[in-house]
Amino acid sequence: MKCIVIAAGEIKDYSLHQKYIDDQDCIICADAGARHALAMGKTPDYLLGDFDSLGGKLLETLKNIDNPPELIKFPENKDKTDTHLAVEFALTMNPEKILIMGGTGSRLDHTLANITLLAVFPDAPILIVNDNNELFLITDSTELYGEPGERISLLPMTPIVKGVTLRGLKWPLVDHTIEMGDSLGISNEIIQRNAGVSLTEGKLLVIRSRD
């Protein structure tokens, strides 16, 4: 089972996001993320947050539909964002994967906070998706199955990432050290369908770009 965490950020291509969701997945909406779920024809299983941005009218509508979501209410004055709380809740279900949708957008503070959740939970199988990208974190290795020409960027999420080795990419590396702030890993490119990335120390953000 996957957990789909839908936040209130930007989603334009609903048809693209719908392809990530299976009928058996658990859908957890962080506050106004419920608007996106409904726009995709999905009813949340859980609606979580302080409900400051959802609006009372839509909240009442959700309470009165068939099979309404379970509401998990938090106070408005809290130390974590609704998306952070939704991810923590998803982790209690021990899912195979957690997909965060609507986690990026014009609110740069929320976008960065959501991306750094990958580093907060480095051992969790979390994938952030938006209209143009997939983002995930690695602490050891990963296979990158894709089409030649696909863009891949790698950004350190710790001060130093050691032992970075890239294969099947246009610009390979062998046992390389990348420091935070180094743009060496930006805009690499898959040249073999079974490319891969590995490292020996640190946390590395992988960004697969569709645009």
C-alpha atoms as a PDB file:
ATOM      1  CA  MET A   1       0.000   0.000   0.000  1.00  0.00           C
ATOM      2  CA  LYS A   2       1.078   3.544  -0.775  1.00  0.00           C
ATOM      3  CA  CYS A   3       0.115   6.611   1.204  1.00  0.00           C
ATOM      4  CA  ILE A   4      -0.681   9.650  -0.911  1.00  0.00           C
ATOM      5  CA  VAL A   5      -0.153  12.866   1.034  1.00  0.00           C
ATOM      6  CA  ILE A   6      -1.826  15.754  -0.772  1.00  0.00           C
ATOM      7  CA  ALA A   7      -0.783  19.223   0.344  1.00  0.00           C
ATOM      8  CA  ALA A   8      -2.210  22.594  -0.670  1.00  0.00           C
ATOM      9  CA  GLY A   9       0.574  23.665  -3.030  1.00  0.00           C
ATOM     10  CA  GLU A  10       0.448  23.875  -6.795  1.00  0.00           C
ATOM     11  CA  ILE A  11      -1.019  21.114  -8.973  1.00  0.00           C
ATOM     12  CA  LYS A  12      -1.947  21.996 -12.542  1.00  0.00           C
ATOM     13  CA  ASP A  13      -1.894  18.659 -14.369  1.00  0.00           C
ATOM     14  CA  TYR A  14      -4.385  16.538 -12.452  1.00  0.00           C
ATOM     15  CA  SER A  15      -4.350  13.766 -15.052  1.00  0.00           C
ATOM     16  CA  LEU A  16      -0.596  13.302 -14.503  1.00  0.00           C
ATOM     17  CA  HIS A  17      -1.016  13.080 -10.728  1.00  0.00           C
ATOM     18  CA  GLN A  18      -3.950  10.667 -11.017  1.00  0.00           C
ATOM     19  CA  LYS A  19      -1.627   8.138 -12.666  1.00  0.00           C
ATOM     20  CA  TYR A  20       0.321   7.848  -9.401  1.00  0.00           C
ATOM     21  CA  ILE A  21      -2.787   6.859  -7.395  1.00  0.00           C
ATOM     22  CA  ASP A  22      -4.154   3.307  -7.200  1.00  0.00           C
ATOM     23  CA  ASP A  23      -7.573   2.432  -5.820  1.00  0.00           C
ATOM     24  CA  GLN A  24      -6.087   0.680  -2.793  1.00  0.00           C
ATOM     25  CA  ASP A  25      -3.883   3.632  -1.788  1.00  0.00           C
ATOM     26  CA  CYS A  26      -4.541   5.576   1.393  1.00  0.00           C
ATOM     27  CA  ILE A  27      -5.152   9.269   0.688  1.00  0.00           C
ATOM     28  CA  ILE A  28      -4.203  11.724   3.436  1.00  0.00           C
ATOM     29  CA  CYS A  29      -4.991  15.366   2.757  1.00  0.00           C
ATOM     30  CA  ALA A  30      -3.187  18.134   4.593  1.00  0.00           C
ATOM     31  CA  ASP A  31      -5.818  20.832   5.103  1.00  0.00           C
ATOM     32  CA  ALA A  32      -6.669  22.507   1.763  1.00  0.00           C
ATOM     33  CA  GLY A  33      -4.972  19.665  -0.091  1.00  0.00           C
ATOM     34  CA  ALA A  34      -8.483  18.197  -0.020  1.00  0.00           C
ATOM     35  CA  ARG A  35      -9.367  20.562  -2.870  1.00  0.00           C
ATOM     36  CA  HIS A  36      -6.834  18.804  -5.079  1.00  0.00           C
ATOM     37  CA  ALA A  37      -8.126  15.374  -4.077  1.00  0.00           C
ATOM     38  CA  LEU A  38     -11.684  16.306  -4.995  1.00  0.00           C
ATOM     39  CA  ALA A  39     -10.502  17.832  -8.283  1.00  0.00           C
ATOM     40  CA  MET A  40      -8.990  14.422  -9.111  1.00  0.00           C
ATOM     41  CA  GLY A  41     -12.229  12.671  -8.212  1.00  0.00           C
ATOM     42  CA  LYS A  42     -10.731  11.214  -5.030  1.00  0.00           C
ATOM     43  CA  THR A  43     -12.238  11.241  -1.549  1.00  0.00           C
ATOM     44  CA  PRO A  44      -9.609  11.515   1.206  1.00  0.00           C
ATOM     45  CA  ASP A  45      -9.390   8.709   3.733  1.00  0.00           C
ATOM     46  CA  TYR A  46      -8.030  11.176   6.261  1.00  0.00           C
ATOM     47  CA  LEU A  47      -8.209  14.958   6.477  1.00  0.00           C
ATOM     48  CA  LEU A  48      -5.539  16.358   8.754  1.00  0.00           C
ATOM     49  CA  GLY A  49      -4.490  19.812   9.922  1.00  0.00           C
ATOM     50  CA  ASP A  50      -5.712  22.954  11.614  1.00  0.00           C
ATOM     51  CA  PHE A  51      -8.170  23.582   8.735  1.00  0.00           C
ATOM     52  CA  ASP A  52      -7.242  27.266   8.542  1.00  0.00           C
ATOM     53  CA  SER A  53      -7.044  27.256   4.740  1.00  0.00           C
ATOM     54  CA  LEU A  54      -9.694  24.668   3.855  1.00  0.00           C
ATOM     55  CA  GLY A  55     -12.713  26.826   4.586  1.00  0.00           C
ATOM     56  CA  GLY A  56     -15.742  25.937   6.685  1.00  0.00           C
ATOM     57  CA  LYS A  57     -18.069  25.365   3.736  1.00  0.00           C
ATOM     58  CA  LEU A  58     -15.853  22.749   2.100  1.00  0.00           C
ATOM     59  CA  LEU A  59     -15.172  21.128   5.474  1.00  0.00           C
ATOM     60  CA  GLU A  60     -18.906  20.711   6.033  1.00  0.00           C
ATOM     61  CA  THR A  61     -19.288  19.281   2.529  1.00  0.00           C
ATOM     62  CA  LEU A  62     -16.592  16.696   3.238  1.00  0.00           C
ATOM     63  CA  LYS A  63     -18.226  15.763   6.532  1.00  0.00           C
ATOM     64  CA  ASN A  64     -21.515  15.016   4.786  1.00  0.00           C
ATOM     65  CA  ILE A  65     -20.435  13.022   1.727  1.00  0.00           C
ATOM     66  CA  ASP A  66     -20.709   9.254   1.521  1.00  0.00           C
ATOM     67  CA  ASN A  67     -17.737   7.626   3.279  1.00  0.00           C
ATOM     68  CA  PRO A  68     -16.422  10.927   4.663  1.00  0.00           C
ATOM     69  CA  PRO A  69     -12.754  11.236   5.618  1.00  0.00           C
ATOM     70  CA  GLU A  70     -11.654  10.764   9.183  1.00  0.00           C
ATOM     71  CA  LEU A  71     -10.813  14.189  10.604  1.00  0.00           C
ATOM     72  CA  ILE A  72      -7.611  14.683  12.595  1.00  0.00           C
ATOM     73  CA  LYS A  73      -7.661  18.188  14.017  1.00  0.00           C
ATOM     74  CA  PHE A  74      -4.585  20.076  15.235  1.00  0.00           C
ATOM     75  CA  PRO A  75      -4.450  23.523  16.850  1.00  0.00           C
ATOM     76  CA  GLU A  76      -3.583  26.470  14.607  1.00  0.00           C
ATOM     77  CA  ASN A  77      -0.621  27.354  16.839  1.00  0.00           C
ATOM     78  CA  LYS A  78       1.636  24.331  16.381  1.00  0.00           C
ATOM     79  CA  ASP A  79       5.300  23.579  15.757  1.00  0.00           C
ATOM     80  CA  LYS A  80       4.955  21.583  12.529  1.00  0.00           C
ATOM     81  CA  THR A  81       3.291  22.214   9.191  1.00  0.00           C
ATOM     82  CA  ASP A  82       0.205  20.253   8.204  1.00  0.00           C
ATOM     83  CA  THR A  83       2.242  18.422   5.558  1.00  0.00           C
ATOM     84  CA  HIS A  84       4.887  17.439   8.114  1.00  0.00           C
ATOM     85  CA  LEU A  85       2.160  16.081  10.395  1.00  0.00           C
ATOM     86  CA  ALA A  86       0.555  14.233   7.484  1.00  0.00           C
ATOM     87  CA  VAL A  87       3.847  12.518   6.640  1.00  0.00           C
ATOM     88  CA  GLU A  88       4.330  11.530  10.278  1.00  0.00           C
ATOM     89  CA  PHE A  89       0.822  10.078  10.293  1.00  0.00           C
ATOM     90  CA  ALA A  90       1.450   8.199   7.036  1.00  0.00           C
ATOM     91  CA  LEU A  91       4.585   6.630   8.524  1.00  0.00           C
ATOM     92  CA  THR A  92       2.507   5.036  11.307  1.00  0.00           C
ATOM     93  CA  MET A  93       0.923   2.855   8.606  1.00  0.00           C
ATOM     94  CA  ASN A  94       4.275   1.411   7.467  1.00  0.00           C
ATOM     95  CA  PRO A  95       3.492   2.026   3.784  1.00  0.00           C
ATOM     96  CA  GLU A  96       5.597   0.753   0.906  1.00  0.00           C
ATOM     97  CA  LYS A  97       5.881   4.341  -0.322  1.00  0.00           C
ATOM     98  CA  ILE A  98       4.706   7.834   0.576  1.00  0.00           C
ATOM     99  CA  LEU A  99       3.962  10.202  -2.321  1.00  0.00           C
ATOM    100  CA  ILE A 100       3.694  13.897  -1.562  1.00  0.00           C
ATOM    101  CA  MET A 101       1.607  15.864  -4.065  1.00  0.00           C
ATOM    102  CA  GLY A 102       0.982  19.591  -3.922  1.00  0.00           C
ATOM    103  CA  GLY A 103       4.109  19.984  -1.843  1.00  0.00           C
ATOM    104  CA  THR A 104       5.682  22.669  -4.040  1.00  0.00           C
ATOM    105  CA  GLY A 105       4.512  25.979  -5.426  1.00  0.00           C
ATOM    106  CA  SER A 106       4.732  29.738  -5.032  1.00  0.00           C
ATOM    107  CA  ARG A 107       5.128  29.559  -1.254  1.00  0.00           C
ATOM    108  CA  LEU A 108       8.889  29.012  -1.256  1.00  0.00           C
ATOM    109  CA  ASP A 109       8.981  28.538   2.523  1.00  0.00           C
ATOM    110  CA  HIS A 110       6.569  25.617   2.350  1.00  0.00           C
ATOM    111  CA  THR A 111       8.287  24.220  -0.740  1.00  0.00           C
ATOM    112  CA  LEU A 112      11.675  24.139   0.979  1.00  0.00           C
ATOM    113  CA  ALA A 113      10.187  22.802   4.209  1.00  0.00           C
ATOM    114  CA  ASN A 114       8.545  19.954   2.312  1.00  0.00           C
ATOM    115  CA  ILE A 115      11.715  19.095   0.399  1.00  0.00           C
ATOM    116  CA  THR A 116      13.714  19.014   3.629  1.00  0.00           C
ATOM    117  CA  LEU A 117      11.225  16.462   4.985  1.00  0.00           C
ATOM    118  CA  LEU A 118      13.162  13.999   2.827  1.00  0.00           C
ATOM    119  CA  ALA A 119      16.204  14.644   5.034  1.00  0.00           C
ATOM    120  CA  VAL A 120      14.133  14.608   8.231  1.00  0.00           C
ATOM    121  CA  PHE A 121      12.976  11.070   7.377  1.00  0.00           C
ATOM    122  CA  PRO A 122      15.975   9.715   5.408  1.00  0.00           C
ATOM    123  CA  ASP A 123      14.999   6.077   5.840  1.00  0.00           C
ATOM    124  CA  ALA A 124      11.389   6.569   4.755  1.00  0.00           C
ATOM    125  CA  PRO A 125      10.343   5.750   1.170  1.00  0.00           C
ATOM    126  CA  ILE A 126       9.158   9.273   0.334  1.00  0.00           C
ATOM    127  CA  LEU A 127       8.728  10.625  -3.197  1.00  0.00           C
ATOM    128  CA  ILE A 128       7.711  14.224  -3.942  1.00  0.00           C
ATOM    129  CA  VAL A 129       5.988  14.714  -7.291  1.00  0.00           C
ATOM    130  CA  ASN A 130       4.844  17.815  -9.118  1.00  0.00           C
ATOM    131  CA  ASP A 131       3.946  18.682 -12.699  1.00  0.00           C
ATOM    132  CA  ASN A 132       7.574  18.609 -13.854  1.00  0.00           C
ATOM    133  CA  ASN A 133       9.664  16.660 -11.341  1.00  0.00           C
ATOM    134  CA  GLU A 134      10.116  13.700  -9.041  1.00  0.00           C
ATOM    135  CA  LEU A 135      12.292  14.216  -5.965  1.00  0.00           C
ATOM    136  CA  PHE A 136      13.649  11.648  -3.525  1.00  0.00           C
ATOM    137  CA  LEU A 137      16.576  11.170  -1.166  1.00  0.00           C
ATOM    138  CA  ILE A 138      19.263   8.498  -1.179  1.00  0.00           C
ATOM    139  CA  THR A 139      21.754   7.569   1.528  1.00  0.00           C
ATOM    140  CA  ASP A 140      23.321   4.593  -0.254  1.00  0.00           C
ATOM    141  CA  SER A 141      22.329   3.733  -3.832  1.00  0.00           C
ATOM    142  CA  THR A 142      19.490   3.747  -6.323  1.00  0.00           C
ATOM    143  CA  GLU A 143      18.767   2.567  -9.847  1.00  0.00           C
ATOM    144  CA  LEU A 144      17.575   5.170 -12.347  1.00  0.00           C
ATOM    145  CA  TYR A 145      15.538   3.425 -14.997  1.00  0.00           C
ATOM    146  CA  GLY A 146      14.665   6.008 -17.623  1.00  0.00           C
ATOM    147  CA  GLU A 147      14.894   7.103 -21.213  1.00  0.00           C
ATOM    148  CA  PRO A 148      18.116   8.508 -22.678  1.00  0.00           C
ATOM    149  CA  GLY A 149      18.024  12.288 -22.504  1.00  0.00           C
ATOM    150  CA  GLU A 150      16.128  12.445 -19.216  1.00  0.00           C
ATOM    151  CA  ARG A 151      17.525  15.134 -16.907  1.00  0.00           C
ATOM    152  CA  ILE A 152      18.844  14.137 -13.493  1.00  0.00           C
ATOM    153  CA  SER A 153      20.142  16.564 -10.864  1.00  0.00           C
ATOM    154  CA  LEU A 154      21.886  15.690  -7.613  1.00  0.00           C
ATOM    155  CA  LEU A 155      22.097  18.058  -4.648  1.00  0.00           C
ATOM    156  CA  PRO A 156      23.784  17.423  -1.277  1.00  0.00           C
ATOM    157  CA  MET A 157      21.434  17.575   1.702  1.00  0.00           C
ATOM    158  CA  THR A 158      24.301  17.292   4.183  1.00  0.00           C
ATOM    159  CA  PRO A 159      27.446  19.456   4.351  1.00  0.00           C
ATOM    160  CA  ILE A 160      29.458  16.748   2.579  1.00  0.00           C
ATOM    161  CA  VAL A 161      28.451  13.739   0.502  1.00  0.00           C
ATOM    162  CA  LYS A 162      31.257  11.253  -0.049  1.00  0.00           C
ATOM    163  CA  GLY A 163      31.877   8.391  -2.428  1.00  0.00           C
ATOM    164  CA  VAL A 164      29.473   9.603  -5.112  1.00  0.00           C
ATOM    165  CA  THR A 165      29.575   7.279  -8.106  1.00  0.00           C
ATOM    166  CA  LEU A 166      27.411   7.790 -11.185  1.00  0.00           C
ATOM    167  CA  ARG A 167      26.987   5.281 -13.999  1.00  0.00           C
ATOM    168  CA  GLY A 168      24.932   5.443 -17.139  1.00  0.00           C
ATOM    169  CA  LEU A 169      24.918   9.238 -17.001  1.00  0.00           C
ATOM    170  CA  LYS A 170      26.452  11.671 -19.455  1.00  0.00           C
ATOM    171  CA  TRP A 171      28.865  13.001 -16.824  1.00  0.00           C
ATOM    172  CA  PRO A 172      29.972  10.063 -14.666  1.00  0.00           C
ATOM    173  CA  LEU A 173      31.731  10.269 -11.325  1.00  0.00           C
ATOM    174  CA  VAL A 174      33.738   7.710  -9.371  1.00  0.00           C
ATOM    175  CA  ASP A 175      34.117   7.955  -5.585  1.00  0.00           C
ATOM    176  CA  HIS A 176      33.665  11.743  -5.711  1.00  0.00           C
ATOM    177  CA  THR A 177      33.014  14.157  -2.828  1.00  0.00           C
ATOM    178  CA  ILE A 178      30.362  16.843  -3.287  1.00  0.00           C
ATOM    179  CA  GLU A 179      29.911  19.641  -0.766  1.00  0.00           C
ATOM    180  CA  MET A 180      26.671  21.464  -0.040  1.00  0.00           C
ATOM    181  CA  GLY A 181      26.351  24.419  -2.397  1.00  0.00           C
ATOM    182  CA  ASP A 182      28.332  22.706  -5.146  1.00  0.00           C
ATOM    183  CA  SER A 183      26.386  22.806  -8.432  1.00  0.00           C
ATOM    184  CA  LEU A 184      28.380  19.963 -10.014  1.00  0.00           C
ATOM    185  CA  GLY A 185      25.365  17.634  -9.929  1.00  0.00           C
ATOM    186  CA  ILE A 186      22.933  19.921 -11.736  1.00  0.00           C
ATOM    187  CA  SER A 187      21.476  18.866 -15.116  1.00  0.00           C
ATOM    188  CA  ASN A 188      23.132  15.541 -15.726  1.00  0.00           C
ATOM    189  CA  GLU A 189      21.543  13.282 -18.308  1.00  0.00           C
ATOM    190  CA  ILE A 190      20.646   9.606 -18.597  1.00  0.00           C
ATOM    191  CA  ILE A 191      22.419   7.889 -21.495  1.00  0.00           C
ATOM    192  CA  GLN A 192      21.661   4.277 -20.495  1.00  0.00           C
ATOM    193  CA  ARG A 193      18.252   2.992 -19.425  1.00  0.00           C
ATOM    194  CA  ASN A 194      19.710   1.336 -16.326  1.00  0.00           C
ATOM    195  CA  ALA A 195      21.708   4.223 -14.873  1.00  0.00           C
ATOM    196  CA  GLY A 196      22.549   4.400 -11.183  1.00  0.00           C
ATOM    197  CA  VAL A 197      23.776   6.571  -8.324  1.00  0.00           C
ATOM    198  CA  SER A 198      25.600   5.454  -5.192  1.00  0.00           C
ATOM    199  CA  LEU A 199      27.353   7.125  -2.255  1.00  0.00           C
ATOM    200  CA  THR A 200      29.156   6.070   0.897  1.00  0.00           C
ATOM    201  CA  GLU A 201      28.346   8.923   3.288  1.00  0.00           C
ATOM    202  CA  GLY A 202      25.772  11.695   3.496  1.00  0.00           C
ATOM    203  CA  LYS A 203      22.371  12.418   1.996  1.00  0.00           C
ATOM    204  CA  LEU A 204      21.812  13.208  -1.663  1.00  0.00           C
ATOM    205  CA  LEU A 205      18.677  14.713  -3.202  1.00  0.00           C
ATOM    206  CA  VAL A 206      17.821  13.260  -6.601  1.00  0.00           C
ATOM    207  CA  ILE A 207      15.632  15.326  -8.938  1.00  0.00           C
ATOM    208  CA  ARG A 208      14.245  13.740 -12.100  1.00  0.00           C
ATOM    209  CA  SER A 209      12.945  16.448 -14.440  1.00  0.00           C
ATOM    210  CA  ARG A 210      10.304  16.027 -17.141  1.00  0.00           C
ATOM    211  CA  ASP A 211      10.612  19.550 -18.577  1.00  0.00           C
END
